[in-house]
Amino acid sequence: MTTDGLNPLTVLLFVGAVLAGLTLTILYAFARVTKREPFARITLRVLLGGVGLYLLLFLGASVSSHSRVLAVGAEKHICEIDCHLAYAVAATKSEPLPNGQVRHTVTVNVRFDEETISSRRPRDATLTPNSRYVALVDDAGRQYPGSTDGLKRKLIPGESYTTDIVFDVPADAKGLRLELRNNDPESTFIIGHENSLLHGKTTFALVKAS
């Protein structure tokens, strides 16, 4: 299964790191104000050590990752903590525009994978997707964003649908592929998430390999 890297463990680690960092910062400030220098030094060392450890794990996960391009029809799972939404390119269509650009219509299949839900989640409970980002990316790294309106539909486990996303792209753009990912800002700081610094990205091919 190809996922965006989000999982309950890394989310808990991120939340724990934020809470611990805030607590240690408050304790350090309190110790300095009350002139308890030994305690202040200890809390500062623990705080800096924790930050250093998190950064080490964060960068280690990123530099050891790699980018991949999924074939047409192959699914990428975007995690919602206790469940996954699966996305795949189902079809593409291109047509030239009078202004010299090319309009690409990408049909995306969206599926609520019922095999990934928590045992505590009711089978008829709907899921509203988190924020999404979608764009076509070319070989030069240029991005051409599209609308995510069609990706906001609520789903119940096992339900699926298709939606068309339209992109207007310069005619000289080569090697186009689809980038579709979570767009929540906090995912940038989660260990192993594809949105994190230096982490490899998973994109979708628009044409079948010959």
C-alpha atoms as a PDB file:
ATOM      1  CA  MET A   1       0.000   0.000   0.000  1.00  0.00           C
ATOM      2  CA  THR A   2       1.368   3.415  -0.991  1.00  0.00           C
ATOM      3  CA  THR A   3       0.518   6.073   1.600  1.00  0.00           C
ATOM      4  CA  ASP A   4       1.451   9.693   2.306  1.00  0.00           C
ATOM      5  CA  GLY A   5       3.334   8.570   5.426  1.00  0.00           C
ATOM      6  CA  LEU A   6       0.855   9.663   8.080  1.00  0.00           C
ATOM      7  CA  ASN A   7       0.191   7.159  10.871  1.00  0.00           C
ATOM      8  CA  PRO A   8      -1.058   7.294  14.482  1.00  0.00           C
ATOM      9  CA  LEU A   9       2.432   6.789  15.934  1.00  0.00           C
ATOM     10  CA  THR A  10       4.008   9.776  14.175  1.00  0.00           C
ATOM     11  CA  VAL A  11       0.967  11.945  14.956  1.00  0.00           C
ATOM     12  CA  LEU A  12       1.197  11.055  18.654  1.00  0.00           C
ATOM     13  CA  LEU A  13       4.937  11.707  18.556  1.00  0.00           C
ATOM     14  CA  PHE A  14       4.349  15.137  17.024  1.00  0.00           C
ATOM     15  CA  VAL A  15       1.621  16.055  19.516  1.00  0.00           C
ATOM     16  CA  GLY A  16       3.735  14.780  22.396  1.00  0.00           C
ATOM     17  CA  ALA A  17       6.744  16.752  21.194  1.00  0.00           C
ATOM     18  CA  VAL A  18       4.697  19.965  20.957  1.00  0.00           C
ATOM     19  CA  LEU A  19       3.182  19.521  24.424  1.00  0.00           C
ATOM     20  CA  ALA A  20       6.510  18.579  25.991  1.00  0.00           C
ATOM     21  CA  GLY A  21       8.219  21.532  24.307  1.00  0.00           C
ATOM     22  CA  LEU A  22       5.591  23.987  25.577  1.00  0.00           C
ATOM     23  CA  THR A  23       5.778  22.538  29.094  1.00  0.00           C
ATOM     24  CA  LEU A  24       9.570  22.719  29.231  1.00  0.00           C
ATOM     25  CA  THR A  25       9.546  26.254  27.846  1.00  0.00           C
ATOM     26  CA  ILE A  26       7.124  27.375  30.561  1.00  0.00           C
ATOM     27  CA  LEU A  27       9.179  25.629  33.267  1.00  0.00           C
ATOM     28  CA  TYR A  28      12.367  27.235  31.976  1.00  0.00           C
ATOM     29  CA  ALA A  29      10.792  30.706  31.984  1.00  0.00           C
ATOM     30  CA  PHE A  30       9.414  30.134  35.490  1.00  0.00           C
ATOM     31  CA  ALA A  31      12.813  28.965  36.747  1.00  0.00           C
ATOM     32  CA  ARG A  32      14.535  32.022  35.317  1.00  0.00           C
ATOM     33  CA  VAL A  33      11.984  34.425  36.787  1.00  0.00           C
ATOM     34  CA  THR A  34      12.264  32.806  40.225  1.00  0.00           C
ATOM     35  CA  LYS A  35      16.080  32.671  39.891  1.00  0.00           C
ATOM     36  CA  ARG A  36      16.309  28.890  40.161  1.00  0.00           C
ATOM     37  CA  GLU A  37      19.289  28.657  37.853  1.00  0.00           C
ATOM     38  CA  PRO A  38      20.143  24.922  38.309  1.00  0.00           C
ATOM     39  CA  PHE A  39      16.556  23.948  37.438  1.00  0.00           C
ATOM     40  CA  ALA A  40      16.572  26.375  34.517  1.00  0.00           C
ATOM     41  CA  ARG A  41      19.739  24.781  33.120  1.00  0.00           C
ATOM     42  CA  ILE A  42      18.268  21.283  33.427  1.00  0.00           C
ATOM     43  CA  THR A  43      15.004  22.197  31.661  1.00  0.00           C
ATOM     44  CA  LEU A  44      16.888  24.005  28.901  1.00  0.00           C
ATOM     45  CA  ARG A  45      19.151  21.002  28.304  1.00  0.00           C
ATOM     46  CA  VAL A  46      16.192  18.626  28.190  1.00  0.00           C
ATOM     47  CA  LEU A  47      14.350  20.974  25.819  1.00  0.00           C
ATOM     48  CA  LEU A  48      17.312  21.330  23.449  1.00  0.00           C
ATOM     49  CA  GLY A  49      17.994  17.597  23.592  1.00  0.00           C
ATOM     50  CA  GLY A  50      14.386  16.786  22.743  1.00  0.00           C
ATOM     51  CA  VAL A  51      14.379  19.240  19.846  1.00  0.00           C
ATOM     52  CA  GLY A  52      17.625  17.766  18.563  1.00  0.00           C
ATOM     53  CA  LEU A  53      16.304  14.202  18.770  1.00  0.00           C
ATOM     54  CA  TYR A  54      13.097  15.108  16.949  1.00  0.00           C
ATOM     55  CA  LEU A  55      15.050  16.885  14.202  1.00  0.00           C
ATOM     56  CA  LEU A  56      17.348  13.872  13.852  1.00  0.00           C
ATOM     57  CA  LEU A  57      14.413  11.500  13.409  1.00  0.00           C
ATOM     58  CA  PHE A  58      12.637  13.997  11.139  1.00  0.00           C
ATOM     59  CA  LEU A  59      15.576  14.500   8.770  1.00  0.00           C
ATOM     60  CA  GLY A  60      16.546  10.835   8.881  1.00  0.00           C
ATOM     61  CA  ALA A  61      13.097   9.793   7.671  1.00  0.00           C
ATOM     62  CA  SER A  62      13.182  12.442   4.929  1.00  0.00           C
ATOM     63  CA  VAL A  63      16.635  11.781   3.466  1.00  0.00           C
ATOM     64  CA  SER A  64      16.046   8.020   3.458  1.00  0.00           C
ATOM     65  CA  SER A  65      12.815   8.402   1.465  1.00  0.00           C
ATOM     66  CA  HIS A  66      12.462   8.488  -2.304  1.00  0.00           C
ATOM     67  CA  SER A  67      10.013   9.888  -4.827  1.00  0.00           C
ATOM     68  CA  ARG A  68       7.826   7.594  -6.901  1.00  0.00           C
ATOM     69  CA  VAL A  69       5.412   7.900  -9.810  1.00  0.00           C
ATOM     70  CA  LEU A  70       2.357   5.638  -9.701  1.00  0.00           C
ATOM     71  CA  ALA A  71       1.037   4.089 -12.876  1.00  0.00           C
ATOM     72  CA  VAL A  72      -2.426   4.939 -14.176  1.00  0.00           C
ATOM     73  CA  GLY A  73      -4.925   3.061 -12.010  1.00  0.00           C
ATOM     74  CA  ALA A  74      -2.542   2.576  -9.079  1.00  0.00           C
ATOM     75  CA  GLU A  75      -3.803   3.914  -5.763  1.00  0.00           C
ATOM     76  CA  LYS A  76      -2.260   6.288  -3.272  1.00  0.00           C
ATOM     77  CA  HIS A  77      -3.752   6.306   0.219  1.00  0.00           C
ATOM     78  CA  ILE A  78      -4.025   9.617   2.047  1.00  0.00           C
ATOM     79  CA  CYS A  79      -4.380   8.906   5.743  1.00  0.00           C
ATOM     80  CA  GLU A  80      -6.995  10.408   8.052  1.00  0.00           C
ATOM     81  CA  ILE A  81      -5.519   8.922  11.272  1.00  0.00           C
ATOM     82  CA  ASP A  82      -7.983   6.023  11.678  1.00  0.00           C
ATOM     83  CA  CYS A  83      -8.833   5.472   8.005  1.00  0.00           C
ATOM     84  CA  HIS A  84      -7.548   5.975   4.465  1.00  0.00           C
ATOM     85  CA  LEU A  85      -8.937   7.562   1.325  1.00  0.00           C
ATOM     86  CA  ALA A  86      -7.521   5.975  -1.831  1.00  0.00           C
ATOM     87  CA  TYR A  87      -6.905   8.046  -4.976  1.00  0.00           C
ATOM     88  CA  ALA A  88      -6.062   6.919  -8.489  1.00  0.00           C
ATOM     89  CA  VAL A  89      -5.959   8.426 -11.978  1.00  0.00           C
ATOM     90  CA  ALA A  90      -8.712   6.762 -13.998  1.00  0.00           C
ATOM     91  CA  ALA A  91      -8.413   8.678 -17.306  1.00  0.00           C
ATOM     92  CA  THR A  92      -7.008  11.810 -18.904  1.00  0.00           C
ATOM     93  CA  LYS A  93      -8.032  14.011 -21.819  1.00  0.00           C
ATOM     94  CA  SER A  94      -6.166  16.875 -23.472  1.00  0.00           C
ATOM     95  CA  GLU A  95      -7.290  19.613 -25.849  1.00  0.00           C
ATOM     96  CA  PRO A  96      -5.470  22.690 -27.228  1.00  0.00           C
ATOM     97  CA  LEU A  97      -6.739  26.145 -26.313  1.00  0.00           C
ATOM     98  CA  PRO A  98      -6.757  29.275 -28.518  1.00  0.00           C
ATOM     99  CA  ASN A  99      -4.282  31.014 -26.188  1.00  0.00           C
ATOM    100  CA  GLY A 100      -1.594  28.415 -26.879  1.00  0.00           C
ATOM    101  CA  GLN A 101      -2.098  26.448 -23.695  1.00  0.00           C
ATOM    102  CA  VAL A 102      -3.353  22.881 -23.351  1.00  0.00           C
ATOM    103  CA  ARG A 103      -6.328  21.951 -21.186  1.00  0.00           C
ATOM    104  CA  HIS A 104      -5.820  18.656 -19.377  1.00  0.00           C
ATOM    105  CA  THR A 105      -8.850  17.007 -17.783  1.00  0.00           C
ATOM    106  CA  VAL A 106      -7.819  14.352 -15.262  1.00  0.00           C
ATOM    107  CA  THR A 107     -10.445  11.929 -13.989  1.00  0.00           C
ATOM    108  CA  VAL A 108      -9.617  10.874 -10.442  1.00  0.00           C
ATOM    109  CA  ASN A 109     -11.184   7.933  -8.661  1.00  0.00           C
ATOM    110  CA  VAL A 110     -11.718   8.484  -4.915  1.00  0.00           C
ATOM    111  CA  ARG A 111     -12.426   5.504  -2.637  1.00  0.00           C
ATOM    112  CA  PHE A 112     -12.940   5.193   1.120  1.00  0.00           C
ATOM    113  CA  ASP A 113     -10.966   2.039   1.869  1.00  0.00           C
ATOM    114  CA  GLU A 114     -13.134   0.138   4.346  1.00  0.00           C
ATOM    115  CA  GLU A 115     -10.206  -2.146   5.222  1.00  0.00           C
ATOM    116  CA  THR A 116      -8.343   0.716   6.905  1.00  0.00           C
ATOM    117  CA  ILE A 117     -10.931   2.009   9.354  1.00  0.00           C
ATOM    118  CA  SER A 118     -10.580   1.712  13.110  1.00  0.00           C
ATOM    119  CA  SER A 119     -12.586  -1.078  14.761  1.00  0.00           C
ATOM    120  CA  ARG A 120     -14.241   1.622  16.878  1.00  0.00           C
ATOM    121  CA  ARG A 121     -15.493   3.572  13.863  1.00  0.00           C
ATOM    122  CA  PRO A 122     -19.153   2.926  12.877  1.00  0.00           C
ATOM    123  CA  ARG A 123     -19.491   1.447   9.399  1.00  0.00           C
ATOM    124  CA  ASP A 124     -22.062   4.079   8.413  1.00  0.00           C
ATOM    125  CA  ALA A 125     -20.117   7.102   9.745  1.00  0.00           C
ATOM    126  CA  THR A 126     -19.243   9.603   7.042  1.00  0.00           C
ATOM    127  CA  LEU A 127     -15.788  11.068   6.528  1.00  0.00           C
ATOM    128  CA  THR A 128     -15.148  14.607   5.318  1.00  0.00           C
ATOM    129  CA  PRO A 129     -11.638  14.748   3.805  1.00  0.00           C
ATOM    130  CA  ASN A 130      -9.016  17.057   5.240  1.00  0.00           C
ATOM    131  CA  SER A 131      -7.585  19.864   3.110  1.00  0.00           C
ATOM    132  CA  ARG A 132      -6.165  18.769  -0.249  1.00  0.00           C
ATOM    133  CA  TYR A 133      -3.701  20.188  -2.790  1.00  0.00           C
ATOM    134  CA  VAL A 134      -3.777  19.150  -6.438  1.00  0.00           C
ATOM    135  CA  ALA A 135      -1.569  20.244  -9.334  1.00  0.00           C
ATOM    136  CA  LEU A 136       0.112  19.052 -12.499  1.00  0.00           C
ATOM    137  CA  VAL A 137       3.909  19.028 -12.225  1.00  0.00           C
ATOM    138  CA  ASP A 138       6.282  19.031 -15.197  1.00  0.00           C
ATOM    139  CA  ASP A 139       9.860  17.820 -15.588  1.00  0.00           C
ATOM    140  CA  ALA A 140      11.151  21.322 -14.770  1.00  0.00           C
ATOM    141  CA  GLY A 141       9.377  21.229 -11.394  1.00  0.00           C
ATOM    142  CA  ARG A 142       6.798  23.860 -12.361  1.00  0.00           C
ATOM    143  CA  GLN A 143       3.386  23.352 -10.769  1.00  0.00           C
ATOM    144  CA  TYR A 144      -0.010  24.146 -12.257  1.00  0.00           C
ATOM    145  CA  PRO A 145      -2.618  24.002  -9.441  1.00  0.00           C
ATOM    146  CA  GLY A 146      -6.185  22.843  -9.962  1.00  0.00           C
ATOM    147  CA  SER A 147      -9.416  23.072  -8.007  1.00  0.00           C
ATOM    148  CA  THR A 148      -9.981  20.693  -5.081  1.00  0.00           C
ATOM    149  CA  ASP A 149     -13.744  21.291  -4.973  1.00  0.00           C
ATOM    150  CA  GLY A 150     -14.456  17.839  -6.379  1.00  0.00           C
ATOM    151  CA  LEU A 151     -12.382  16.194  -3.645  1.00  0.00           C
ATOM    152  CA  LYS A 152     -14.442  17.482  -0.695  1.00  0.00           C
ATOM    153  CA  ARG A 153     -17.328  15.011  -0.900  1.00  0.00           C
ATOM    154  CA  LYS A 154     -18.250  13.062   2.239  1.00  0.00           C
ATOM    155  CA  LEU A 155     -17.892   9.285   2.029  1.00  0.00           C
ATOM    156  CA  ILE A 156     -18.845   6.233   4.056  1.00  0.00           C
ATOM    157  CA  PRO A 157     -16.571   3.157   4.202  1.00  0.00           C
ATOM    158  CA  GLY A 158     -16.521   1.312   0.875  1.00  0.00           C
ATOM    159  CA  GLU A 159     -18.040   4.204  -1.097  1.00  0.00           C
ATOM    160  CA  SER A 160     -16.274   5.624  -4.161  1.00  0.00           C
ATOM    161  CA  TYR A 161     -16.793   8.166  -6.939  1.00  0.00           C
ATOM    162  CA  THR A 162     -14.941   9.849  -9.804  1.00  0.00           C
ATOM    163  CA  THR A 163     -14.355  13.539 -10.353  1.00  0.00           C
ATOM    164  CA  ASP A 164     -12.812  15.566 -13.187  1.00  0.00           C
ATOM    165  CA  ILE A 165     -10.076  18.097 -12.398  1.00  0.00           C
ATOM    166  CA  VAL A 166      -9.149  20.633 -15.078  1.00  0.00           C
ATOM    167  CA  PHE A 167      -5.693  22.159 -15.581  1.00  0.00           C
ATOM    168  CA  ASP A 168      -4.594  24.745 -18.159  1.00  0.00           C
ATOM    169  CA  VAL A 169      -0.905  24.170 -18.872  1.00  0.00           C
ATOM    170  CA  PRO A 170       1.625  25.710 -21.299  1.00  0.00           C
ATOM    171  CA  ALA A 171       2.028  23.635 -24.449  1.00  0.00           C
ATOM    172  CA  ASP A 172       5.774  23.220 -23.830  1.00  0.00           C
ATOM    173  CA  ALA A 173       5.311  21.550 -20.432  1.00  0.00           C
ATOM    174  CA  LYS A 174       6.846  18.074 -20.610  1.00  0.00           C
ATOM    175  CA  GLY A 175       6.553  14.964 -18.471  1.00  0.00           C
ATOM    176  CA  LEU A 176       3.371  16.011 -16.729  1.00  0.00           C
ATOM    177  CA  ARG A 177       2.250  14.065 -13.681  1.00  0.00           C
ATOM    178  CA  LEU A 178      -0.432  14.628 -11.066  1.00  0.00           C
ATOM    179  CA  GLU A 179       0.384  15.714  -7.521  1.00  0.00           C
ATOM    180  CA  LEU A 180      -2.460  15.066  -5.106  1.00  0.00           C
ATOM    181  CA  ARG A 181      -1.705  15.308  -1.403  1.00  0.00           C
ATOM    182  CA  ASN A 182      -2.821  16.389   2.040  1.00  0.00           C
ATOM    183  CA  ASN A 183      -2.577  20.160   2.515  1.00  0.00           C
ATOM    184  CA  ASP A 184      -2.829  20.486   6.300  1.00  0.00           C
ATOM    185  CA  PRO A 185       0.033  22.762   7.468  1.00  0.00           C
ATOM    186  CA  GLU A 186       0.903  20.629  10.490  1.00  0.00           C
ATOM    187  CA  SER A 187       1.762  17.677   8.225  1.00  0.00           C
ATOM    188  CA  THR A 188       4.927  19.593   7.256  1.00  0.00           C
ATOM    189  CA  PHE A 189       6.341  18.882  10.729  1.00  0.00           C
ATOM    190  CA  ILE A 190       5.349  15.206  11.065  1.00  0.00           C
ATOM    191  CA  ILE A 191       8.135  12.625  10.809  1.00  0.00           C
ATOM    192  CA  GLY A 192       7.900  10.562   7.631  1.00  0.00           C
ATOM    193  CA  HIS A 193       5.097  12.559   5.998  1.00  0.00           C
ATOM    194  CA  GLU A 194       5.601  13.325   2.307  1.00  0.00           C
ATOM    195  CA  ASN A 195       4.946  17.023   2.994  1.00  0.00           C
ATOM    196  CA  SER A 196       7.921  17.230   5.366  1.00  0.00           C
ATOM    197  CA  LEU A 197      11.179  18.928   4.379  1.00  0.00           C
ATOM    198  CA  LEU A 198      13.331  16.934   1.888  1.00  0.00           C
ATOM    199  CA  HIS A 199      10.885  13.992   1.859  1.00  0.00           C
ATOM    200  CA  GLY A 200      10.184  12.204  -1.424  1.00  0.00           C
ATOM    201  CA  LYS A 201       6.818  12.805  -3.099  1.00  0.00           C
ATOM    202  CA  THR A 202       4.373  10.306  -4.589  1.00  0.00           C
ATOM    203  CA  THR A 203       2.781  11.497  -7.837  1.00  0.00           C
ATOM    204  CA  PHE A 204       0.621   9.931 -10.547  1.00  0.00           C
ATOM    205  CA  ALA A 205       1.474   9.247 -14.185  1.00  0.00           C
ATOM    206  CA  LEU A 206      -1.066  10.584 -16.691  1.00  0.00           C
ATOM    207  CA  VAL A 207      -0.438   8.053 -19.441  1.00  0.00           C
ATOM    208  CA  LYS A 208       0.095   4.321 -19.395  1.00  0.00           C
ATOM    209  CA  ALA A 209       3.667   3.146 -19.821  1.00  0.00           C
ATOM    210  CA  SER A 210       4.276   1.671 -23.268  1.00  0.00           C
END
